[in-house]
């Protein structure tokens, strides 16, 4: 049993195909497995083809890693998709939609206080 655990490691592969949907898979991969190899094992479950695999960015526990990164036992391999909207632009649009009086620093003001304080 000890030789079996030394020969393989358990990793978690996480992918979000769209907002508010997360797919998580636990894989047992050989010790010394590369991030790209683990991605090839997990991708068919989510309908990702080989050309799409090359365009994806990868990370381990929130830090970007190259495809040649060697995984360790317990790693969480994350697959990042491209942003559809720049977060700064989305925040500005949301602020315009909600109005200055009901958002952020302007939501509650003390009587006689200046705007934004």
Protein backbone atom coordinates (compact mmCIF):
# COMPACT_ATOMS: atom_id res chain seq x y z
CA UNK A 1 0.00 0.00 0.00
CA UNK A 2 2.85 2.41 0.78
CA UNK A 3 4.40 1.84 -2.66
CA UNK A 4 1.05 2.59 -4.30
CA UNK A 5 0.73 5.98 -2.56
CA UNK A 6 4.32 6.86 -3.50
CA UNK A 7 3.67 5.99 -7.16
CA UNK A 8 0.58 8.18 -7.48
CA UNK A 9 -0.64 11.46 -6.06
CA UNK A 10 -4.12 12.91 -5.63
CA UNK A 11 -4.82 16.31 -7.18
CA UNK A 12 -7.97 18.34 -7.71
CA UNK A 13 -8.67 19.89 -11.11
CA UNK A 14 -11.09 22.84 -11.14
CA UNK A 15 -12.67 24.48 -14.19
CA UNK A 16 -15.38 27.10 -14.61
CA UNK A 17 -16.86 27.00 -18.11
CA UNK A 18 -19.23 29.89 -17.37
CA UNK A 19 -19.95 32.21 -14.51
CA UNK A 20 -21.49 30.56 -11.45
CA UNK A 21 -20.68 27.02 -12.64
CA UNK A 22 -17.65 25.19 -11.30
CA UNK A 23 -16.55 21.68 -12.22
CA UNK A 24 -14.23 19.93 -9.80
CA UNK A 25 -12.59 16.56 -10.32
CA UNK A 26 -10.20 14.61 -8.11
CA UNK A 27 -7.60 12.68 -10.09
CA UNK A 28 -4.97 10.14 -9.09
CA UNK A 29 -2.00 10.84 -11.32
CA UNK A 30 1.54 9.42 -11.37
CA UNK A 31 4.12 11.06 -9.15
CA UNK A 32 5.96 13.75 -11.15
CA UNK A 33 2.96 14.45 -13.39
CA UNK A 34 3.02 17.78 -15.25
CA UNK A 35 0.12 20.24 -15.18
CA UNK A 36 -0.36 19.75 -18.93
CA UNK A 37 -0.66 15.98 -18.49
CA UNK A 38 -3.28 16.32 -15.74
CA UNK A 39 -5.19 18.75 -17.93
CA UNK A 40 -5.27 16.22 -20.77
CA UNK A 41 -6.72 13.62 -18.36
CA UNK A 42 -9.45 15.96 -17.05
CA UNK A 43 -10.40 17.86 -20.23
CA UNK A 44 -12.60 15.23 -21.94
CA UNK A 45 -15.01 15.30 -18.98
CA UNK A 46 -15.78 18.95 -19.72
CA UNK A 47 -15.78 18.81 -23.53
CA UNK A 48 -12.51 20.68 -24.05
CA UNK A 49 -10.64 19.69 -27.22
CA UNK A 50 -6.87 19.70 -27.86
CA UNK A 51 -6.76 23.10 -29.57
CA UNK A 52 -8.63 24.74 -26.69
CA UNK A 53 -6.21 23.15 -24.19
CA UNK A 54 -3.25 25.08 -25.58
CA UNK A 55 -4.99 28.45 -25.13
CA UNK A 56 -5.89 27.93 -21.45
CA UNK A 57 -3.98 29.45 -18.55
CA UNK A 58 -3.23 27.26 -15.55
CA UNK A 59 -2.66 27.90 -11.88
CA UNK A 60 -2.05 26.01 -8.66
CA UNK A 61 -3.82 27.38 -5.61
CA UNK A 62 -4.39 30.78 -7.26
CA UNK A 63 -0.87 31.28 -8.62
CA UNK A 64 -0.22 30.99 -12.34
CA UNK A 65 2.06 28.16 -13.40
CA UNK A 66 3.41 27.02 -16.77
CA UNK A 67 2.11 23.83 -18.38
CA UNK A 68 5.42 22.14 -17.47
CA UNK A 69 4.87 22.67 -13.72
CA UNK A 70 5.37 19.45 -11.73
CA UNK A 71 2.35 18.75 -9.52
CA UNK A 72 2.57 17.63 -5.91
CA UNK A 73 0.19 15.62 -3.76
CA UNK A 74 -2.83 17.70 -2.72
CA UNK A 75 -2.37 20.40 -5.38
CA UNK A 76 -5.43 22.18 -6.77
CA UNK A 77 -4.91 22.70 -10.50
CA UNK A 78 -7.08 25.59 -11.70
CA UNK A 79 -7.96 26.22 -15.32
CA UNK A 80 -8.50 29.89 -16.10
CA UNK A 81 -10.70 31.14 -18.91
CA UNK A 82 -10.36 34.51 -20.58
CA UNK A 83 -12.31 37.42 -19.10
CA UNK A 84 -15.24 38.57 -21.21
CA UNK A 85 -15.42 42.01 -19.58
CA UNK A 86 -12.69 44.11 -18.02
CA UNK A 87 -13.48 44.26 -14.26
CA UNK A 88 -12.81 48.00 -14.13
CA UNK A 89 -15.24 48.68 -16.97
CA UNK A 90 -17.87 46.43 -15.38
CA UNK A 91 -17.56 48.32 -12.07
CA UNK A 92 -17.95 51.69 -13.81
CA UNK A 93 -21.03 50.50 -15.70
CA UNK A 94 -22.56 49.08 -12.52
CA UNK A 95 -21.92 52.37 -10.72
CA UNK A 96 -23.64 54.34 -13.51
CA UNK A 97 -26.60 51.93 -13.48
CA UNK A 98 -27.06 52.06 -9.70
CA UNK A 99 -26.52 55.78 -9.41
CA UNK A 100 -24.14 57.72 -7.22
CA UNK A 101 -26.54 57.98 -4.28
CA UNK A 102 -26.97 54.26 -3.66
CA UNK A 103 -23.54 52.76 -4.27
CA UNK A 104 -20.20 52.50 -2.54
CA UNK A 105 -18.99 55.40 -0.45
CA UNK A 106 -22.13 57.37 -1.24
CA UNK A 107 -24.63 54.87 0.13
CA UNK A 108 -24.83 56.32 3.64
CA UNK A 109 -23.71 59.79 4.59
CA UNK A 110 -23.94 61.44 7.93
CA UNK A 111 -25.98 64.60 8.07
CA UNK A 112 -23.95 67.51 6.75
CA UNK A 113 -21.12 65.23 5.57
CA UNK A 114 -19.27 65.72 2.31
CA UNK A 115 -19.84 63.38 -0.61
CA UNK A 116 -17.45 60.42 -0.49
CA UNK A 117 -16.62 60.74 3.21
